[in-house]
C-alpha cells in the first residue's frame, strides 16, 4: 500500500514528560492547605520532594517501567534445578525499578517524619499513576509499623528497616539488609473476611514469644516480601484465640523459613503484583501483641492499608481524568475540539468533580493521621471505612467513562486505559469489600459515640454555606436516628456519610464552581444515573479548566 494513504492526523499526542504534581491543582492546593501552619522550611522540603516525584511519575521512563511490569507478570519458582524447594517469585527488572523509586521517595516512611502521612499520601497518589500494582508491598510495609509497635522490642528491631529509603531485592536475613518489605496474610479459604474462622494454628516453643505455625492463607499479599504479619489461633483448643504473628521469610541464621507458595493468583488486574496461596508447616513465628488479641493488634495495619485503598483509587481516578482531558484537548470532531463541545464538557466536568472530591477527602484523612489528636482519631474511625467504601466504589465507573472519552482509542492497550480499568476494582475488594466497610461503620456508630460526634463536627464546619449540603446533613441525621433495619440500609447510610463529608470539604476549600456542581448533583439530586448528566446552568467550563494540567 502506498505510504501516501497513511497520513496520521487528528490524534492526541502521547501524554508524557508532564508535571504530575504541579499540574494537579486540587492536589497542590490541598497539600499547601494542610501545611499552612508548618515551618516554611518544611513546606519547601515537601514541595520539592513532591515536585520531583511528580516529574518522575510523568516521565517516559516511568511509563515504560509500568508497561513492562504489567506485560511481564511475576513468575513462581517453587524448586531449583535440583529439586530443592525455594518458593521464589521472579519479577521483571521494571518492577524492581518501580519499587526502588517508591522506597527511595519515602513511601514506606510516614510514621516518624514531620507531616509524614500527608507527604506520603500525596507521594503515593503521584507515583501510583505511573503503575499501581507495586503499591501493594509499599502499602503493606508502611502499614506494618503501627502493628509492630504493639511489641516495643520488635518495633525497635524492624521499624528502621521498614521505614528505610533503601530498597534491596532478594531473600536474605533481614539483619543483613538496609531495607525490607512486608506482606500480610489474614484470609483463609473457609473464612474470607471472617478471620475469626481461621484455622491456622500456632504452637508455642520454649523461647518466650516464639511459635510454630501450621495452616494456610488463601490470599497472601506480596509473597516475595522479607516478612509478614499473619493471624493464627494460639490456644491449645485452636479456637477463639486469634493472635498476630511476625513470620520472616529468612531466619537469622540464613536458612529459609517454611513458607510454601502453592501458586500465584491469576487476577483480573494488578498483574504486575504477586498474590499467593501459602502453606505453613513448621513455620517459625514471633508473637506480636497479646495472645488472643490478634485482630486488635493488626487493626491499625488494616486501617492504614484501607486509607491506601482510598489513595490508590483516587490516584487511578486522577490519571484516568488526565488522559480523558488530554485527549479531548487535542482531538476534534464535527468541526471543533472535543473539550469545547457542550456534551463532552458535561462528561469531563462530571469526572473532574468525582476526582477532586476523592482527592480532597484523601488529603484530609492523611492530615488527620498527622494531627494524631483524640478528636482526629475518632474522626478517622468513621471517615476511613466510609471513604474506603465510597471512593473505591466510584473508581470503576469513572475509569470506564474516561476510557469512553477516548472512544476506540481508549479500548486498545496502547492508550493505557484498559490497564487502569482492570486495576480499578481491586481497592474496593482488598482490605474488606463494600459490606465489610459498611458493617464496620455501623459497629463504630453503635459502640463509639465519640466517632459520630467527631464526624458530625467535621461536616458541620460547612453548615450554612450551601442549602443542599444543609439538607443532606439533615437527611443523614434522620437516617442515623432510625435504627430499624439499619444493617440492610448500611450501604445507603455509608454512601450518604461519604457524600456529605466530601460536600463539606469541597464547600470549604474548593472553588465555587466545583462546590456548586458537586452539591447540585451529588447532594441536591439534580443528576442522572451516568456521568455527563450534570444540570444546566453550572460553570462546567470552569470545572473542566481546573482539571487540565496546570502550567
Protein backbone atom coordinates (compact mmCIF):
# COMPACT_ATOMS: atom_id res chain seq x y z
CA UNK A 1 0.00 0.00 0.00
CA UNK A 2 1.32 3.44 -0.87
CA UNK A 3 2.60 5.42 2.08
CA UNK A 4 0.64 8.45 0.90
CA UNK A 5 -2.60 6.80 2.02
CA UNK A 6 -1.42 6.61 5.60
CA UNK A 7 -1.47 10.19 6.81
CA UNK A 8 -1.95 10.29 10.58
CA UNK A 9 -3.89 13.33 11.76
CA UNK A 10 -6.29 14.40 14.48
CA UNK A 11 -4.68 12.08 17.04
CA UNK A 12 -3.80 13.24 20.55
CA UNK A 13 -0.05 13.23 21.16
CA UNK A 14 1.29 10.95 23.89
CA UNK A 15 0.91 12.43 27.36
CA UNK A 16 4.50 12.11 28.50
CA UNK A 17 7.07 14.28 30.24
CA UNK A 18 4.46 16.26 32.16
CA UNK A 19 4.22 17.57 35.72
CA UNK A 20 2.00 15.15 37.62
CA UNK A 21 2.23 17.17 40.85
CA UNK A 22 2.50 20.78 39.74
CA UNK A 23 -0.11 20.13 37.06
CA UNK A 24 -2.74 18.97 39.57
CA UNK A 25 -4.41 22.00 41.14
CA UNK A 26 -6.58 20.08 43.58
CA UNK A 27 -3.60 18.14 44.89
CA UNK A 28 -1.13 21.01 45.15
CA UNK A 29 -3.67 23.30 46.79
CA UNK A 30 -4.63 20.56 49.24
CA UNK A 31 -1.05 19.86 50.28
CA UNK A 32 -0.35 23.56 50.76
CA UNK A 33 -3.55 23.99 52.75
CA UNK A 34 -2.72 21.23 55.20
CA UNK A 35 0.83 22.53 55.57
CA UNK A 36 -0.28 26.13 56.15
CA UNK A 37 0.83 26.09 59.79
CA UNK A 38 4.09 24.24 59.16
CA UNK A 39 7.50 25.88 59.17
CA UNK A 40 8.50 27.43 55.81
CA UNK A 41 11.45 25.05 55.61
CA UNK A 42 9.15 22.03 55.85
CA UNK A 43 6.77 23.43 53.25
CA UNK A 44 9.67 23.97 50.86
CA UNK A 45 11.03 20.48 51.52
CA UNK A 46 7.68 18.81 50.85
CA UNK A 47 7.08 20.90 47.74
CA UNK A 48 10.47 20.00 46.28
CA UNK A 49 10.02 16.34 47.20
CA UNK A 50 6.60 16.04 45.57
CA UNK A 51 7.58 18.09 42.53
CA UNK A 52 10.49 15.75 41.84
CA UNK A 53 8.34 12.65 42.35
CA UNK A 54 5.59 14.05 40.14
CA UNK A 55 8.10 14.83 37.42
CA UNK A 56 9.41 11.27 37.61
CA UNK A 57 5.87 9.82 37.52
CA UNK A 58 5.11 11.66 34.29
CA UNK A 59 8.37 10.68 32.59
CA UNK A 60 8.74 8.34 29.64
CA UNK A 61 10.95 6.14 31.78
CA UNK A 62 8.32 5.56 34.49
CA UNK A 63 5.66 4.94 31.86
CA UNK A 64 7.89 2.32 30.25
CA UNK A 65 8.54 0.66 33.61
CA UNK A 66 4.80 0.48 34.27
CA UNK A 67 4.09 -1.06 30.88
CA UNK A 68 6.91 -3.59 31.13
CA UNK A 69 5.99 -4.65 34.67
CA UNK A 70 2.46 -5.46 33.53
CA UNK A 71 3.42 -7.09 30.26
CA UNK A 72 5.86 -9.36 32.12
CA UNK A 73 3.99 -10.52 35.25
CA UNK A 74 5.72 -12.32 38.14
CA UNK A 75 6.58 -16.00 37.83
CA UNK A 76 6.63 -18.51 40.69
CA UNK A 77 9.68 -20.75 41.02
CA UNK A 78 8.82 -23.42 43.57
CA UNK A 79 12.01 -25.51 43.13
CA UNK A 80 15.54 -25.06 41.95
CA UNK A 81 17.08 -27.23 39.22
CA UNK A 82 17.99 -29.91 41.76
CA UNK A 83 14.51 -30.26 43.18
CA UNK A 84 15.08 -28.20 46.32
CA UNK A 85 12.12 -26.11 47.42
CA UNK A 86 12.93 -22.39 47.05
CA UNK A 87 9.50 -20.67 46.73
CA UNK A 88 10.73 -17.57 44.99
CA UNK A 89 8.84 -15.09 42.84
CA UNK A 90 10.72 -13.65 39.88
CA UNK A 91 9.91 -10.16 38.64
CA UNK A 92 10.83 -8.16 35.58
CA UNK A 93 13.55 -5.56 36.25
CA UNK A 94 10.97 -2.81 35.74
CA UNK A 95 9.15 -3.99 38.87
CA UNK A 96 12.28 -3.55 40.95
CA UNK A 97 12.88 -0.09 39.49
CA UNK A 98 9.36 1.00 40.37
CA UNK A 99 9.72 -0.36 43.90
CA UNK A 100 13.16 1.14 44.31
CA UNK A 101 11.90 4.57 43.31
CA UNK A 102 8.90 4.28 45.64
CA UNK A 103 11.01 3.28 48.64
CA UNK A 104 13.64 5.88 47.82
CA UNK A 105 10.94 8.54 47.75
CA UNK A 106 9.92 7.69 51.32
CA UNK A 107 6.62 5.99 50.50
CA UNK A 108 7.18 3.50 53.33
CA UNK A 109 8.28 6.22 55.74
CA UNK A 110 5.39 8.18 57.24
CA UNK A 111 5.22 7.44 60.94
CA UNK A 112 8.22 9.40 62.17
CA UNK A 113 8.60 12.32 59.73
CA UNK A 114 7.04 15.78 60.07
CA UNK A 115 3.78 15.82 58.08
CA UNK A 116 4.73 12.25 57.25
CA UNK A 117 1.29 10.96 56.36
CA UNK A 118 0.33 13.95 54.23
CA UNK A 119 3.52 13.94 52.18
CA UNK A 120 3.46 10.16 51.87
CA UNK A 121 -0.21 10.11 50.81
CA UNK A 122 0.47 12.77 48.16
CA UNK A 123 3.54 10.85 47.01
CA UNK A 124 1.66 7.55 46.86
CA UNK A 125 -1.06 9.34 44.87
CA UNK A 126 1.53 10.61 42.40
CA UNK A 127 3.70 7.54 41.94
CA UNK A 128 0.76 5.15 41.66
CA UNK A 129 -0.22 6.99 38.48
CA UNK A 130 2.90 5.56 36.87
CA UNK A 131 1.96 2.00 37.90
CA UNK A 132 -0.42 0.84 40.62
CA UNK A 133 0.42 -2.82 41.23
CA UNK A 134 3.71 -2.29 43.04
CA UNK A 135 1.83 -0.14 45.53
CA UNK A 136 0.76 -3.32 47.34
CA UNK A 137 4.09 -4.12 49.04
CA UNK A 138 4.71 -0.40 49.53
CA UNK A 139 1.39 -0.13 51.34
CA UNK A 140 1.87 -3.27 53.45
CA UNK A 141 5.35 -2.19 54.51
CA UNK A 142 4.14 1.25 55.53
CA UNK A 143 1.12 -0.17 57.37
CA UNK A 144 3.04 -2.79 59.34
CA UNK A 145 4.68 -0.16 61.56
CA UNK A 146 1.76 0.60 63.92
CA UNK A 147 1.01 -3.11 64.37
CA UNK A 148 4.60 -3.90 65.29
CA UNK A 149 4.55 -1.11 67.86
CA UNK A 150 2.38 -3.40 69.98
CA UNK A 151 5.72 -5.04 70.83
CA UNK A 152 8.37 -2.36 71.52
CA UNK A 153 11.21 -4.85 71.16
CA UNK A 154 10.05 -5.96 67.72
CA UNK A 155 9.37 -2.39 66.68
CA UNK A 156 12.89 -1.33 67.66
CA UNK A 157 14.32 -4.13 65.55
CA UNK A 158 12.11 -3.89 62.47
CA UNK A 159 10.85 -0.31 62.16
CA UNK A 160 14.15 1.17 60.91
CA UNK A 161 14.20 -1.46 58.17
CA UNK A 162 10.58 -0.86 57.19
CA UNK A 163 10.97 2.93 57.01
CA UNK A 164 14.30 2.82 55.22
CA UNK A 165 14.68 4.69 51.94
CA UNK A 166 16.82 1.86 50.54
CA UNK A 167 15.31 -0.97 48.50
CA UNK A 168 17.20 -4.26 48.33
CA UNK A 169 15.77 -7.11 46.31
CA UNK A 170 16.48 -10.75 47.09
CA UNK A 171 15.91 -13.02 50.09
CA UNK A 172 18.49 -12.68 52.86
CA UNK A 173 18.29 -12.37 56.65
CA UNK A 174 16.59 -9.07 57.43
CA UNK A 175 19.51 -8.02 59.63
CA UNK A 176 21.74 -8.07 56.56
CA UNK A 177 19.55 -5.73 54.52
CA UNK A 178 19.41 -1.94 54.58
CA UNK A 179 15.66 -2.04 53.96
CA UNK A 180 12.90 -4.64 53.91
CA UNK A 181 9.36 -5.09 52.62
CA UNK A 182 6.39 -6.61 54.43
CA UNK A 183 3.32 -8.51 53.35
CA UNK A 184 0.23 -9.70 55.18
CA UNK A 185 -1.73 -12.95 55.48
CA UNK A 186 -5.17 -12.83 57.08
CA UNK A 187 -7.79 -14.52 54.90
CA UNK A 188 -8.25 -18.26 54.58
CA UNK A 189 -10.33 -20.21 52.08
CA UNK A 190 -13.00 -21.25 54.56
CA UNK A 191 -13.46 -17.80 56.09
CA UNK A 192 -12.54 -14.93 53.80
CA UNK A 193 -13.33 -11.70 55.61
CA UNK A 194 -14.49 -13.68 58.65
CA UNK A 195 -10.96 -14.01 60.01
CA UNK A 196 -12.23 -15.40 63.33
CA UNK A 197 -12.96 -18.60 61.36
CA UNK A 198 -9.23 -19.00 60.71
CA UNK A 199 -7.84 -22.47 61.35
CA UNK A 200 -4.09 -21.82 61.13
CA UNK A 201 -2.68 -22.90 64.49
CA UNK A 202 0.29 -21.63 66.49
CA UNK A 203 2.13 -23.94 68.91
CA UNK A 204 4.39 -22.23 71.46
CA UNK A 205 8.09 -23.03 71.60
CA UNK A 206 10.27 -22.91 74.71
CA UNK A 207 11.55 -19.41 74.00
CA UNK A 208 9.17 -16.65 75.08
CA UNK A 209 7.06 -15.29 72.24
CA UNK A 210 8.20 -17.90 69.70
CA UNK A 211 5.76 -20.27 67.97
CA UNK A 212 5.48 -22.75 65.13
CA UNK A 213 2.63 -22.24 62.66
CA UNK A 214 0.64 -24.87 60.77
CA UNK A 215 -2.03 -23.91 58.26
CA UNK A 216 -2.66 -21.89 55.13
CA UNK A 217 -3.51 -18.47 53.78
CA UNK A 218 -5.83 -18.22 50.77
CA UNK A 219 -4.59 -14.74 49.92
CA UNK A 220 -1.12 -13.63 50.94
CA UNK A 221 -0.24 -10.17 49.73
CA UNK A 222 3.22 -9.64 48.28
CA UNK A 223 4.60 -13.17 48.96
CA UNK A 224 8.13 -12.15 47.90
CA UNK A 225 8.47 -9.85 50.93
CA UNK A 226 11.01 -10.18 53.74
CA UNK A 227 8.42 -10.57 56.48
CA UNK A 228 4.68 -10.97 57.04
CA UNK A 229 2.09 -10.25 59.67
CA UNK A 230 -0.32 -13.17 59.88
CA UNK A 231 -3.19 -14.30 62.09
CA UNK A 232 -3.34 -17.74 63.74
CA UNK A 233 -5.10 -19.47 66.62
CA UNK A 234 -2.71 -19.69 69.57
CA UNK A 235 -4.64 -21.57 72.26
CA UNK A 236 -4.38 -25.36 72.57
CA UNK A 237 -8.02 -25.62 71.54
CA UNK A 238 -7.19 -23.78 68.35
CA UNK A 239 -10.29 -21.58 68.57
CA UNK A 240 -11.14 -18.11 69.80
CA UNK A 241 -7.52 -17.17 70.42
CA UNK A 242 -6.67 -15.33 67.24
CA UNK A 243 -3.20 -13.85 67.62
CA UNK A 244 -0.92 -11.77 65.43
CA UNK A 245 2.48 -13.15 64.41
CA UNK A 246 5.54 -11.95 62.53
CA UNK A 247 6.78 -14.51 60.01
CA UNK A 248 10.19 -13.79 58.42
CA UNK A 249 10.98 -15.38 55.04
CA UNK A 250 14.61 -15.95 56.02
CA UNK A 251 15.71 -16.82 59.56
CA UNK A 252 18.62 -15.02 61.22
CA UNK A 253 20.97 -17.96 60.56
CA UNK A 254 20.31 -17.64 56.82
CA UNK A 255 18.05 -20.67 56.42
CA UNK A 256 14.70 -20.30 54.66
CA UNK A 257 11.63 -20.33 56.87
CA UNK A 258 8.96 -22.90 55.97
CA UNK A 259 6.87 -20.78 53.62
CA UNK A 260 5.49 -22.77 50.71
CA UNK A 261 3.97 -20.69 47.91
CA UNK A 262 1.48 -23.10 46.36
CA UNK A 263 0.53 -20.87 43.45
CA UNK A 264 0.13 -17.27 42.39
CA UNK A 265 -3.37 -15.93 41.76
CA UNK A 266 -4.30 -15.22 38.15
CA UNK A 267 -6.06 -11.90 38.78
CA UNK A 268 -8.32 -9.65 36.73
CA UNK A 269 -5.86 -6.79 37.02
CA UNK A 270 -2.98 -5.89 39.33
CA UNK A 271 -0.93 -8.08 37.02
CA UNK A 272 2.48 -6.73 37.98
CA UNK A 273 1.96 -7.69 41.62
CA UNK A 274 2.07 -11.20 43.04
CA UNK A 275 -0.64 -12.54 45.34
CA UNK A 276 -0.27 -16.12 46.50
CA UNK A 277 -1.63 -19.08 48.40
CA UNK A 278 0.67 -20.01 51.26
CA UNK A 279 1.11 -23.16 53.33
CA UNK A 280 2.72 -23.12 56.78
CA UNK A 281 4.21 -26.33 58.15
CA UNK A 282 6.68 -25.94 60.98
CA UNK A 283 6.94 -22.22 60.21
CA UNK A 284 8.77 -20.18 62.82
CA UNK A 285 6.93 -17.07 64.00
CA UNK A 286 7.21 -14.41 66.67
CA UNK A 287 4.08 -13.26 68.52
CA UNK A 288 3.12 -9.59 68.10
CA UNK A 289 0.98 -8.22 70.91
CA UNK A 290 -1.01 -10.25 73.38
CA UNK A 291 -2.21 -13.78 72.75
CA UNK A 292 -5.85 -13.80 71.72
CA UNK A 293 -5.74 -10.10 70.70
CA UNK A 294 -4.70 -10.60 67.11
CA UNK A 295 -7.46 -8.57 65.49
CA UNK A 296 -6.90 -5.65 67.84
CA UNK A 297 -3.15 -5.82 67.15
CA UNK A 298 -3.40 -5.93 63.38
CA UNK A 299 -6.32 -3.49 63.08
CA UNK A 300 -4.01 -0.47 62.87
CA UNK A 301 -2.32 -2.09 59.90
CA UNK A 302 -5.71 -2.75 58.33
CA UNK A 303 -6.78 0.88 58.87
CA UNK A 304 -3.60 2.16 57.22
CA UNK A 305 -4.00 -0.14 54.22
CA UNK A 306 -7.64 0.90 53.90
CA UNK A 307 -6.53 4.50 53.63
CA UNK A 308 -4.09 3.40 50.94
CA UNK A 309 -7.02 1.84 49.08
CA UNK A 310 -8.62 5.28 49.08
CA UNK A 311 -5.39 6.93 47.92
CA UNK A 312 -4.87 4.29 45.24
CA UNK A 313 -8.38 4.71 43.85
CA UNK A 314 -8.12 8.49 43.90
CA UNK A 315 -4.83 8.16 42.03
CA UNK A 316 -6.37 5.92 39.34
CA UNK A 317 -9.27 8.36 39.01
CA UNK A 318 -6.96 11.33 38.54
CA UNK A 319 -4.86 9.51 35.93
CA UNK A 320 -8.00 8.46 34.03
CA UNK A 321 -9.32 12.05 34.14
CA UNK A 322 -5.97 13.42 33.00
CA UNK A 323 -5.93 11.09 30.00
CA UNK A 324 -9.52 11.96 29.08
CA UNK A 325 -8.98 15.72 29.29
CA UNK A 326 -5.72 15.49 27.36
CA UNK A 327 -7.43 13.55 24.58
CA UNK A 328 -10.35 15.97 24.45
CA UNK A 329 -7.97 18.93 24.20
CA UNK A 330 -6.24 17.51 21.13
CA UNK A 331 -9.00 15.63 19.33
CA UNK A 332 -11.50 17.39 17.06
CA UNK A 333 -14.87 16.11 15.89
CA UNK A 334 -17.72 17.74 13.99
CA UNK A 335 -15.69 20.89 13.44
CA UNK A 336 -14.46 21.67 16.96
CA UNK A 337 -12.14 20.34 19.70
CA UNK A 338 -13.92 17.79 21.86
CA UNK A 339 -13.22 19.76 25.00
CA UNK A 340 -15.24 22.72 23.70
CA UNK A 341 -18.32 20.70 22.84
CA UNK A 342 -21.12 21.01 25.42
CA UNK A 343 -21.89 17.33 25.93
CA UNK A 344 -18.25 16.27 26.24
CA UNK A 345 -17.69 19.19 28.58
CA UNK A 346 -20.51 17.87 30.77
CA UNK A 347 -18.89 14.43 30.89
CA UNK A 348 -15.43 15.79 31.67
CA UNK A 349 -16.76 18.14 34.34
CA UNK A 350 -18.61 15.27 35.99
CA UNK A 351 -15.44 13.17 36.02
CA UNK A 352 -13.48 16.12 37.38
CA UNK A 353 -15.92 16.53 40.28
CA UNK A 354 -15.54 12.87 41.22
CA UNK A 355 -11.77 13.10 41.07
CA UNK A 356 -11.45 16.29 43.09
CA UNK A 357 -13.87 15.03 45.74
CA UNK A 358 -11.75 11.89 46.12
CA UNK A 359 -8.52 13.90 46.24
CA UNK A 360 -9.65 16.39 48.86
CA UNK A 361 -11.00 13.59 51.07
CA UNK A 362 -7.77 11.61 50.74
CA UNK A 363 -5.64 14.52 51.89
CA UNK A 364 -7.98 15.32 54.78
CA UNK A 365 -7.66 11.77 56.08
CA UNK A 366 -3.87 11.83 55.80
CA UNK A 367 -3.71 15.15 57.64
CA UNK A 368 -5.84 13.66 60.42
CA UNK A 369 -3.27 10.91 60.87
CA UNK A 370 -0.56 13.53 61.24
CA UNK A 371 -2.55 15.52 63.81
CA UNK A 372 -2.87 12.44 66.00
CA UNK A 373 -5.29 14.03 68.49
CA UNK A 374 -8.11 12.11 70.16
CA UNK A 375 -10.58 14.15 68.12
CA UNK A 376 -8.88 13.26 64.83
CA UNK A 377 -8.55 9.60 65.74
CA UNK A 378 -12.26 9.50 66.50
CA UNK A 379 -12.96 11.18 63.16
CA UNK A 380 -10.83 8.63 61.30
CA UNK A 381 -12.70 5.75 62.92
CA UNK A 382 -15.75 6.54 60.77
CA UNK A 383 -14.21 8.52 57.95
CA UNK A 384 -11.72 5.86 56.81
CA UNK A 385 -14.20 2.98 56.27
CA UNK A 386 -16.76 5.38 54.79
CA UNK A 387 -14.17 6.76 52.37
CA UNK A 388 -12.87 3.27 51.62
CA UNK A 389 -16.40 2.18 50.75
CA UNK A 390 -17.36 5.13 48.57
CA UNK A 391 -14.19 6.28 46.80
CA UNK A 392 -13.19 2.76 45.80
CA UNK A 393 -16.74 2.07 44.60
CA UNK A 394 -16.70 5.17 42.38
CA UNK A 395 -13.38 4.31 40.78
CA UNK A 396 -14.51 1.67 38.28
CA UNK A 397 -17.43 3.56 36.68
CA UNK A 398 -15.33 6.70 36.49
CA UNK A 399 -12.39 4.97 34.81
CA UNK A 400 -14.77 3.26 32.39
CA UNK A 401 -16.32 6.62 31.46
CA UNK A 402 -12.88 8.19 31.00
CA UNK A 403 -11.95 5.33 28.68
CA UNK A 404 -15.07 6.01 26.64
CA UNK A 405 -13.97 9.63 26.22
CA UNK A 406 -11.15 8.28 24.05
CA UNK A 407 -13.59 6.14 22.06
CA UNK A 408 -12.00 3.20 20.27
CA UNK A 409 -8.56 4.62 21.05
CA UNK A 410 -9.27 4.09 24.74
CA UNK A 411 -10.18 0.44 24.21
CA UNK A 412 -6.74 -0.54 22.91
CA UNK A 413 -3.90 -1.38 25.26
CA UNK A 414 -1.56 1.30 23.91
CA UNK A 415 -3.71 4.02 25.46
CA UNK A 416 -3.09 2.71 28.99
CA UNK A 417 -6.77 2.99 29.88
CA UNK A 418 -7.51 -0.77 29.74
CA UNK A 419 -4.85 -1.33 32.40
CA UNK A 420 -6.43 1.36 34.58
CA UNK A 421 -9.86 -0.24 34.10
CA UNK A 422 -8.61 -3.70 35.07
CA UNK A 423 -6.92 -2.21 38.13
CA UNK A 424 -9.93 -0.15 39.21
CA UNK A 425 -11.95 -2.77 41.19
CA UNK A 426 -9.07 -4.02 43.32
CA UNK A 427 -9.18 -1.40 46.06
CA UNK A 428 -12.88 -1.97 46.62
CA UNK A 429 -12.23 -5.67 47.25
CA UNK A 430 -8.93 -5.65 49.12
CA UNK A 431 -8.86 -4.97 52.88
CA UNK A 432 -12.57 -5.62 53.22
CA UNK A 433 -15.14 -5.21 50.45
CA UNK A 434 -18.19 -2.96 50.49
CA UNK A 435 -20.29 -4.89 53.00
CA UNK A 436 -17.36 -5.23 55.40
CA UNK A 437 -16.74 -1.47 55.35
CA UNK A 438 -20.42 -0.69 55.81
CA UNK A 439 -20.79 -3.05 58.76
CA UNK A 440 -17.62 -1.60 60.28
CA UNK A 441 -19.20 1.85 60.14
CA UNK A 442 -22.32 0.53 61.87
CA UNK A 443 -20.17 -1.08 64.55
CA UNK A 444 -18.44 2.23 65.22
CA UNK A 445 -21.75 4.10 65.30
CA UNK A 446 -23.13 1.71 67.89
CA UNK A 447 -20.04 1.34 70.08
CA UNK A 448 -18.10 4.58 69.76
CA UNK A 449 -20.31 7.65 70.10
CA UNK A 450 -17.26 9.92 70.09
CA UNK A 451 -16.61 8.85 66.49
CA UNK A 452 -20.01 10.11 65.34
CA UNK A 453 -19.54 13.33 67.28
CA UNK A 454 -16.19 13.93 65.59
CA UNK A 455 -17.63 13.15 62.16
CA UNK A 456 -20.59 15.50 62.63
CA UNK A 457 -18.33 18.26 63.91
CA UNK A 458 -16.26 17.93 60.75
CA UNK A 459 -19.17 18.10 58.30
CA UNK A 460 -20.80 20.79 60.43
CA UNK A 461 -17.91 23.18 59.73
CA UNK A 462 -19.59 23.94 56.38
CA UNK A 463 -23.15 24.32 57.67
CA UNK A 464 -24.94 27.36 56.34
CA UNK A 465 -22.68 27.68 53.29
CA UNK A 466 -24.87 25.67 50.90
CA UNK A 467 -28.54 24.81 51.34
CA UNK A 468 -28.19 21.48 49.55
CA UNK A 469 -25.42 20.42 51.91
CA UNK A 470 -27.51 21.52 54.90
CA UNK A 471 -30.44 19.43 53.66
CA UNK A 472 -28.19 16.42 53.09
CA UNK A 473 -26.82 16.66 56.64
CA UNK A 474 -30.36 16.82 57.99
CA UNK A 475 -31.39 13.77 55.97
CA UNK A 476 -28.32 11.89 57.18
CA UNK A 477 -29.21 12.61 60.80
CA UNK A 478 -32.70 11.26 60.12
CA UNK A 479 -31.19 8.07 58.68
CA UNK A 480 -28.90 7.66 61.69
CA UNK A 481 -31.75 8.17 64.13
CA UNK A 482 -33.75 5.30 62.62
CA UNK A 483 -32.15 2.05 63.75
CA UNK A 484 -34.90 -0.18 62.36
CA UNK A 485 -33.37 -2.41 59.70
CA UNK A 486 -30.20 -0.35 59.66
CA UNK A 487 -27.99 -3.30 58.69
CA UNK A 488 -29.86 -3.75 55.43
CA UNK A 489 -29.57 0.02 54.90
CA UNK A 490 -25.89 0.15 55.80
CA UNK A 491 -24.60 0.86 52.30
CA UNK A 492 -27.13 3.65 51.86
CA UNK A 493 -26.12 5.23 55.17
CA UNK A 494 -22.38 4.98 54.48
CA UNK A 495 -22.78 6.38 50.97
CA UNK A 496 -24.58 9.41 52.37
CA UNK A 497 -21.94 9.87 55.05
CA UNK A 498 -19.17 9.88 52.45
CA UNK A 499 -21.02 12.27 50.14
CA UNK A 500 -21.82 14.69 52.96
CA UNK A 501 -18.20 14.63 54.08
CA UNK A 502 -16.95 15.26 50.53
CA UNK A 503 -19.51 18.03 50.11
CA UNK A 504 -18.43 19.71 53.33
CA UNK A 505 -14.76 19.63 52.32
CA UNK A 506 -15.45 20.99 48.84
CA UNK A 507 -17.73 23.76 50.09
CA UNK A 508 -14.99 24.88 52.47
CA UNK A 509 -11.98 24.50 50.20
CA UNK A 510 -12.78 24.07 46.50
CA UNK A 511 -13.52 26.87 44.01
CA UNK A 512 -17.21 27.90 43.96
CA UNK A 513 -17.87 26.30 40.58
CA UNK A 514 -16.66 22.92 41.84
CA UNK A 515 -18.55 23.04 45.15
CA UNK A 516 -21.72 24.27 43.42
CA UNK A 517 -21.68 21.49 40.83
CA UNK A 518 -20.93 18.81 43.42
CA UNK A 519 -23.72 19.92 45.76
CA UNK A 520 -26.23 20.29 42.92
CA UNK A 521 -25.57 16.81 41.56
CA UNK A 522 -24.39 14.58 44.43
CA UNK A 523 -26.37 16.20 47.26
CA UNK A 524 -29.20 18.09 45.56
CA UNK A 525 -30.35 15.17 43.41
CA UNK A 526 -30.15 17.08 40.11
CA UNK A 527 -28.16 14.34 38.41
CA UNK A 528 -28.72 11.28 36.26
CA UNK A 529 -27.54 7.71 36.74
CA UNK A 530 -24.47 8.10 34.49
CA UNK A 531 -21.62 10.58 34.18
CA UNK A 532 -22.32 13.54 31.91
CA UNK A 533 -25.74 14.32 33.35
CA UNK A 534 -24.92 17.47 35.32
CA UNK A 535 -27.72 20.07 35.32
CA UNK A 536 -27.84 23.12 33.08
CA UNK A 537 -26.63 26.43 34.44
CA UNK A 538 -23.43 25.33 36.17
CA UNK A 539 -19.98 26.66 35.31
CA UNK A 540 -18.84 23.45 33.65
CA UNK A 541 -16.17 25.18 31.60
CA UNK A 542 -14.58 26.38 34.83
CA UNK A 543 -14.67 22.89 36.31
CA UNK A 544 -13.01 21.39 33.22
CA UNK A 545 -10.40 24.15 33.07
CA UNK A 546 -9.39 23.33 36.63
CA UNK A 547 -8.94 19.66 35.70
CA UNK A 548 -6.50 20.47 32.91
CA UNK A 549 -2.79 20.02 33.60
CA UNK A 550 -1.65 23.32 35.04
CA UNK A 551 1.29 25.21 33.60
